[in-house]
Protein backbone atom coordinates (compact mmCIF):
# COMPACT_ATOMS: atom_id res chain seq x y z
CA MET A 1 -30.14 48.24 -24.35
CA SER A 2 -29.70 47.83 -20.64
CA LYS A 3 -29.39 44.23 -19.60
CA HIS A 4 -31.60 45.02 -16.60
CA LEU A 5 -34.56 45.25 -18.99
CA LEU A 6 -34.22 41.58 -19.86
CA PRO A 7 -36.00 38.81 -18.00
CA LEU A 8 -33.88 36.77 -15.68
CA VAL A 9 -31.41 34.56 -17.49
CA PRO A 10 -31.18 30.90 -16.45
CA ALA A 11 -29.65 30.34 -13.03
CA GLY A 12 -25.89 30.00 -12.93
CA LEU A 13 -25.20 32.51 -15.74
CA VAL A 14 -23.93 36.09 -15.70
CA VAL A 15 -24.86 38.54 -18.48
CA ASP A 16 -21.87 40.33 -20.02
CA GLN A 17 -23.49 41.98 -23.02
CA VAL A 18 -26.80 42.28 -24.86
CA LEU A 19 -26.86 42.60 -28.67
CA PRO A 20 -30.35 43.65 -29.84
CA THR A 21 -31.79 43.67 -33.35
CA PRO A 22 -35.38 44.53 -34.38
CA ASP A 23 -36.51 40.89 -34.17
CA HIS A 24 -33.78 39.12 -32.25
CA LEU A 25 -31.73 39.38 -29.04
CA THR A 26 -28.35 37.81 -28.41
CA VAL A 27 -27.34 37.65 -24.75
CA MET A 28 -23.63 37.10 -24.11
CA CYS A 29 -23.13 35.15 -20.87
CA ARG A 30 -20.63 33.20 -18.84
CA SER A 31 -20.90 30.72 -16.01
CA ARG A 32 -20.87 31.83 -12.37
CA ILE A 33 -18.95 28.73 -11.30
CA THR A 34 -15.28 29.46 -10.62
CA ALA A 35 -14.08 25.86 -10.44
CA PRO A 36 -16.23 23.51 -12.55
CA VAL A 37 -16.37 19.85 -11.61
CA CYS A 38 -14.76 17.20 -13.81
CA PRO A 39 -17.49 14.81 -15.08
CA GLY A 40 -15.02 11.93 -14.96
CA CYS A 41 -13.90 12.04 -11.33
CA GLY A 42 -15.96 14.79 -9.69
CA HIS A 43 -12.86 16.82 -8.79
CA PRO A 44 -13.13 20.66 -9.24
CA SER A 45 -10.63 22.35 -11.49
CA SER A 46 -9.81 25.94 -12.46
CA ARG A 47 -6.92 25.16 -14.85
CA ARG A 48 -8.15 26.70 -18.08
CA HIS A 49 -7.26 25.05 -21.38
CA SER A 50 -9.36 27.02 -23.90
CA SER A 51 -12.93 28.18 -24.53
CA TYR A 52 -15.64 28.08 -27.20
CA PRO A 53 -19.06 29.73 -27.71
CA ARG A 54 -22.15 27.63 -27.03
CA ARG A 55 -25.44 28.97 -28.44
CA LEU A 56 -28.75 28.17 -26.76
CA ALA A 57 -32.24 29.19 -27.87
CA ASP A 58 -34.18 30.68 -24.95
CA LEU A 59 -37.65 31.98 -24.11
CA PRO A 60 -38.74 35.00 -26.21
CA TRP A 61 -38.75 38.56 -24.87
CA GLN A 62 -41.45 41.00 -26.01
CA GLY A 63 -41.99 39.09 -29.26
CA ARG A 64 -38.27 38.84 -30.04
CA ARG A 65 -36.43 35.57 -30.33
CA VAL A 66 -33.66 35.20 -27.79
CA GLN A 67 -30.38 33.37 -28.15
CA ILE A 68 -28.02 32.94 -25.22
CA GLU A 69 -24.36 32.67 -26.19
CA VAL A 70 -22.30 31.20 -23.36
CA GLN A 71 -18.53 31.33 -23.40
CA VAL A 72 -17.83 27.78 -22.23
CA ARG A 73 -14.44 26.97 -20.77
CA ARG A 74 -12.43 23.85 -21.41
CA LEU A 75 -10.40 22.89 -18.37
CA ARG A 76 -7.70 20.44 -17.43
CA CYS A 77 -8.34 17.87 -14.73
CA GLY A 78 -5.26 17.64 -12.51
CA ARG A 79 -6.35 14.67 -10.45
CA PRO A 80 -3.97 11.71 -10.89
CA GLY A 81 -5.58 8.68 -12.47
CA CYS A 82 -8.53 10.56 -14.01
CA THR A 83 -9.12 9.52 -17.62
CA GLN A 84 -10.88 12.82 -18.41
CA ARG A 85 -7.79 14.95 -18.97
CA ILE A 86 -9.66 17.86 -20.62
CA PHE A 87 -13.36 18.58 -20.08
CA ALA A 88 -15.89 21.28 -20.91
CA GLU A 89 -17.73 22.94 -18.05
CA ARG A 90 -21.36 21.91 -17.63
CA LEU A 91 -24.40 24.18 -17.33
CA PRO A 92 -26.53 21.92 -15.11
CA VAL A 93 -29.43 24.35 -14.57
CA ALA A 94 -29.38 26.26 -17.86
CA ALA A 95 -29.15 23.33 -20.28
CA GLY A 96 -28.17 19.69 -20.51
CA PRO A 97 -25.12 18.37 -22.38
CA TYR A 98 -25.30 18.88 -26.15
CA ALA A 99 -28.68 20.68 -25.84
CA GLN A 100 -29.42 23.46 -28.30
CA ARG A 101 -32.08 25.11 -26.14
CA THR A 102 -32.31 26.10 -22.50
CA ALA A 103 -34.05 23.74 -20.10
CA ARG A 104 -36.94 26.19 -19.59
CA LEU A 105 -37.53 26.54 -23.35
CA GLY A 106 -37.33 22.77 -23.72
CA SER A 107 -39.94 22.38 -20.98
CA LEU A 108 -42.28 24.84 -22.73
CA GLN A 109 -41.92 23.11 -26.09
CA HIS A 110 -42.33 19.71 -24.45
CA HIS A 111 -45.70 20.73 -23.01
CA ILE A 112 -46.76 22.25 -26.35
CA GLY A 113 -45.99 18.90 -27.96
CA LEU A 114 -47.95 17.06 -25.29
CA ALA A 115 -51.01 19.23 -25.80
CA LEU A 116 -51.03 19.69 -29.58
CA GLY A 117 -48.69 17.19 -31.17
CA GLY A 118 -46.30 17.97 -34.02
CA LYS A 119 -47.65 20.22 -36.77
CA ALA A 120 -50.23 22.07 -34.67
CA GLY A 121 -47.67 22.53 -31.88
CA ALA A 122 -45.11 23.89 -34.35
CA ARG A 123 -47.60 26.50 -35.58
CA LEU A 124 -48.29 27.67 -32.03
CA ALA A 125 -44.58 27.72 -31.16
CA GLU A 126 -43.87 29.90 -34.20
CA ARG A 127 -46.65 32.27 -33.16
CA ILE A 128 -45.25 32.80 -29.64
CA GLY A 129 -41.68 33.31 -30.81
CA THR A 130 -40.18 29.89 -30.12
CA PRO A 131 -39.94 28.36 -33.61
CA VAL A 132 -39.46 24.61 -33.76
CA ASN A 133 -40.45 21.97 -36.28
CA GLY A 134 -43.01 19.29 -35.55
CA ALA A 135 -40.53 16.41 -35.56
CA THR A 136 -38.49 18.11 -32.84
CA LEU A 137 -41.61 18.61 -30.70
CA LEU A 138 -42.42 14.91 -30.94
CA ARG A 139 -38.82 14.04 -30.10
CA LEU A 140 -39.07 16.21 -26.97
CA VAL A 141 -42.30 14.44 -25.99
CA ARG A 142 -40.69 11.02 -26.34
CA ARG A 143 -37.58 12.10 -24.46
CA GLY A 144 -39.65 13.53 -21.63
CA ALA A 145 -41.65 10.31 -21.39
CA ALA A 146 -38.45 8.29 -21.08
CA THR A 147 -37.09 10.40 -18.21
CA THR A 148 -40.27 11.18 -16.24
CA PRO A 149 -41.16 8.60 -13.57
CA VAL A 150 -44.75 7.41 -13.51
CA ALA A 151 -46.36 6.25 -10.28
CA ALA A 152 -47.71 2.69 -10.28
CA PRO A 153 -51.53 2.70 -10.57
CA ARG A 154 -53.60 1.57 -7.61
CA VAL A 155 -56.60 0.57 -9.75
CA LEU A 156 -56.41 -0.85 -13.29
CA GLY A 157 -59.31 -0.87 -15.74
CA VAL A 158 -59.50 -3.22 -18.72
CA ASP A 159 -61.08 -2.62 -22.13
CA ASP A 160 -61.03 -4.88 -25.21
CA TRP A 161 -60.49 -3.93 -28.82
CA ALA A 162 -59.99 -5.79 -32.09
CA TRP A 163 -56.66 -5.62 -33.88
CA LYS A 164 -58.46 -7.46 -36.69
CA ARG A 165 -62.21 -8.02 -36.40
CA CYS A 166 -63.19 -11.58 -35.50
CA GLN A 167 -59.56 -12.73 -35.63
CA ARG A 168 -57.24 -11.02 -33.15
CA TYR A 169 -58.10 -9.05 -30.02
CA GLY A 170 -56.27 -7.09 -27.33
CA SER A 171 -57.15 -5.73 -23.90
CA GLU A 172 -56.68 -2.20 -22.66
CA GLU A 173 -59.27 -0.93 -20.20
CA GLN A 174 -62.55 -1.93 -18.59
CA PRO A 175 -65.80 -1.56 -20.61
CA GLY A 176 -69.02 -0.14 -19.26
CA PRO A 177 -71.98 -2.34 -18.33
CA ALA A 178 -73.97 -3.97 -21.11
CA ALA A 179 -77.18 -2.28 -22.16
CA VAL A 180 -80.58 -3.96 -21.83
CA PRO A 181 -81.59 -5.09 -25.35
CA ALA A 182 -84.65 -3.46 -26.91
CA VAL A 183 -87.70 -5.64 -27.45
CA GLN A 184 -89.05 -5.66 -31.01
CA LEU A 185 -92.71 -4.65 -30.87
CA PRO A 186 -95.00 -5.56 -33.80
CA LEU A 187 -97.38 -2.93 -35.13
CA ARG A 188 -95.82 -0.19 -33.06
CA PRO A 189 -96.61 3.39 -34.09
CA ALA A 190 -93.97 5.12 -36.18
CA ALA A 191 -93.71 7.82 -33.50
CA TYR A 192 -92.23 5.30 -31.07
CA PRO A 193 -88.98 3.79 -32.43
CA ALA A 194 -87.45 0.83 -30.64
CA ARG A 195 -84.84 2.87 -28.75
CA ARG A 196 -87.46 5.23 -27.40
CA VAL A 197 -89.64 2.33 -26.34
CA ALA A 198 -86.68 0.70 -24.58
CA ARG A 199 -86.00 3.92 -22.69
CA MET A 200 -89.63 4.23 -21.64
CA LEU A 201 -89.79 0.60 -20.48
CA THR A 202 -86.79 1.13 -18.20
CA ALA A 203 -87.89 4.55 -16.92
CA ASP A 204 -89.87 5.35 -13.81
CA LEU A 205 -93.48 5.85 -14.95
CA THR A 206 -93.98 8.67 -12.46
CA VAL A 207 -91.44 10.92 -14.20
CA ILE A 208 -92.25 10.41 -17.90
CA ALA A 209 -94.85 12.34 -19.91
CA ALA A 210 -98.50 11.26 -19.67
CA PRO A 211 -98.78 10.02 -23.33
CA ASP A 212 -95.65 7.90 -22.90
CA ARG A 213 -96.93 6.53 -19.60
CA SER A 214 -100.24 5.53 -21.20
CA TYR A 215 -98.40 3.90 -24.11
CA VAL A 216 -96.23 1.80 -21.77
CA GLU A 217 -99.23 0.74 -19.69
CA ARG A 218 -101.08 -0.46 -22.82
CA LEU A 219 -98.03 -2.40 -24.03
CA VAL A 220 -97.56 -4.10 -20.67
CA ALA A 221 -101.26 -4.98 -20.50
CA LEU A 222 -101.17 -6.55 -23.99
CA SER A 223 -97.96 -8.55 -23.39
CA PRO A 224 -97.25 -10.43 -20.14
CA MET A 225 -93.78 -11.22 -21.50
CA LEU A 226 -93.08 -7.51 -21.90
CA ALA A 227 -94.34 -6.88 -18.37
CA THR A 228 -91.83 -9.44 -17.07
CA VAL A 229 -88.99 -7.87 -19.07
CA ARG A 230 -89.90 -4.41 -17.79
CA ASP A 231 -89.97 -5.63 -14.19
CA LEU A 232 -86.54 -7.25 -14.61
CA ALA A 233 -85.15 -4.09 -16.20
CA GLN A 234 -86.48 -1.97 -13.36
CA ARG A 235 -84.98 -4.35 -10.77
CA PHE A 236 -81.64 -4.33 -12.58
CA GLY A 237 -81.61 -0.54 -12.61
CA VAL A 238 -82.21 -0.44 -8.87
CA LEU A 239 -79.53 -3.10 -8.35
CA VAL A 240 -76.95 -1.01 -10.25
CA ARG A 241 -77.86 2.39 -8.81
CA ALA A 242 -77.94 1.11 -5.23
CA PRO A 243 -75.37 -1.68 -5.48
CA ALA A 244 -76.45 -4.85 -3.70
CA ALA A 245 -74.42 -7.92 -4.64
CA ASP A 246 -76.80 -10.22 -2.72
CA ALA A 247 -79.65 -9.29 -5.06
CA LEU A 248 -77.71 -10.34 -8.17
CA THR A 249 -78.19 -14.11 -7.73
CA PRO A 250 -82.04 -14.09 -7.61
CA TRP A 251 -82.15 -11.54 -10.44
CA LEU A 252 -80.00 -13.78 -12.68
CA ALA A 253 -82.20 -16.76 -11.88
CA ASP A 254 -85.35 -14.86 -12.91
CA ALA A 255 -83.70 -13.34 -16.00
CA GLU A 256 -82.51 -16.76 -17.26
CA ASN A 257 -86.19 -17.82 -17.45
CA SER A 258 -87.23 -14.75 -19.45
CA GLU A 259 -86.53 -13.00 -22.76
CA LEU A 260 -83.42 -11.53 -21.12
CA ARG A 261 -81.74 -14.93 -20.91
CA GLY A 262 -79.06 -13.86 -23.42
CA PHE A 263 -78.21 -10.80 -21.35
CA ALA A 264 -78.17 -12.93 -18.20
CA ALA A 265 -75.83 -15.44 -19.86
CA GLY A 266 -73.42 -12.63 -20.65
CA LEU A 267 -73.48 -11.50 -17.03
CA ARG A 268 -72.85 -15.08 -15.92
CA GLN A 269 -69.68 -15.20 -18.00
CA ASP A 270 -68.36 -12.09 -16.24
CA GLU A 271 -70.08 -12.65 -12.92
CA GLN A 272 -66.94 -11.96 -10.87
CA ALA A 273 -66.49 -8.60 -12.59
CA VAL A 274 -70.17 -7.74 -12.12
CA ARG A 275 -70.04 -8.57 -8.42
CA ALA A 276 -66.87 -6.51 -8.07
CA ALA A 277 -68.67 -3.56 -9.70
CA LEU A 278 -71.51 -3.92 -7.18
CA THR A 279 -69.27 -4.15 -4.13
CA LEU A 280 -66.19 -2.01 -4.87
CA PRO A 281 -66.20 1.82 -5.02
CA TRP A 282 -64.51 1.98 -8.44
CA SER A 283 -66.26 2.91 -11.68
CA SER A 284 -65.33 2.43 -15.32
CA GLY A 285 -66.39 6.00 -16.10
CA GLN A 286 -62.83 7.25 -15.72
CA VAL A 287 -61.64 4.43 -17.99
CA GLU A 288 -64.11 5.33 -20.71
CA GLY A 289 -63.08 8.98 -20.44
CA GLN A 290 -59.44 8.01 -20.99
CA VAL A 291 -60.42 5.88 -24.00
CA ASN A 292 -62.20 8.91 -25.46
CA ARG A 293 -59.10 11.05 -24.85
CA LEU A 294 -56.92 8.40 -26.51
CA LYS A 295 -59.09 8.54 -29.63
CA LEU A 296 -58.89 12.34 -29.69
CA VAL A 297 -55.09 12.34 -29.43
CA LYS A 298 -54.84 9.65 -32.11
CA ARG A 299 -56.99 11.68 -34.50
CA GLN A 300 -54.89 14.79 -33.84
CA GLY A 301 -51.95 12.80 -35.20
CA TYR A 302 -54.00 11.78 -38.26
CA GLY A 303 -53.75 8.15 -37.10
CA ARG A 304 -49.99 8.00 -37.74
CA ALA A 305 -48.74 8.18 -34.14
CA LYS A 306 -46.90 5.12 -32.86
CA LEU A 307 -47.63 3.55 -29.49
CA ASP A 308 -44.69 5.21 -27.70
CA LEU A 309 -45.85 8.69 -28.75
CA LEU A 310 -49.48 7.99 -27.84
CA ARG A 311 -48.36 6.67 -24.45
CA ALA A 312 -46.21 9.75 -23.85
CA ARG A 313 -48.97 12.22 -24.73
CA LEU A 314 -51.53 10.39 -22.59
CA VAL A 315 -49.47 9.59 -19.50
CA HIS A 316 -47.45 12.80 -19.27
CA THR A 317 -50.03 15.41 -20.27
CA ALA A 318 -49.87 18.26 -17.77
């Protein structure tokens, strides 16, 4: 087989021979560098001591697995005072020290591990001709997380969760706003459950169906308390959709004298956060989306992933 039919080998290597089999290719290579640099002192040397074959798994070619066999030279360092008397030449672009795969194959498998995790990633890697076990994929994910710099965030969300319910809690990212509690209505028709009634009470009457509008109007007419709650809910909706921090203080004062006093007390406890939400351009929607993604990645690992692996798959996902 002509070596010109092969894809480009990693930079810095020269192809000497190609040994094909029906399901495998072995590419015999050597380094282009004439005088490798000593890792101990940085001095180039061309004084050959010996050589040995180094085998690297590479990207597949037309469904065949590819192995690159590089004839690596050992050289003598002639610089006085250097403690590295004999060294092996490095392949800085093709592969790192002691690596058993090329850098480009390692990058592909790293991203497979990020996207799919261990077992699922190993099945896909086998299918595309780059076989690797799940533990190795996870090791590549962790190694990539340790070496990839992460920019410092400009905005940080916070969310709470329970390590053990009612005993120990932690904080992660910012929660969404609290929902307006539903009012329990006696003798309500079975066709109108509490959640539906709560939605209708907070909705604009001009956009809901005529039967629902009539139902809400009758409820409000029968219960002045419910009319007050609906008015407060409507005002709160306007306050949130068209943020106005100045309107929060009178709304809290009115809500504390109504059936929404519990909700108002909760807002009082986090009043600084509420005012920040009404004045700053940031939203917790992105935070909640990341929490949802965290749960998905955790379930893909059957709940057995440790924190370092979860962090790596979340932060470094392409």
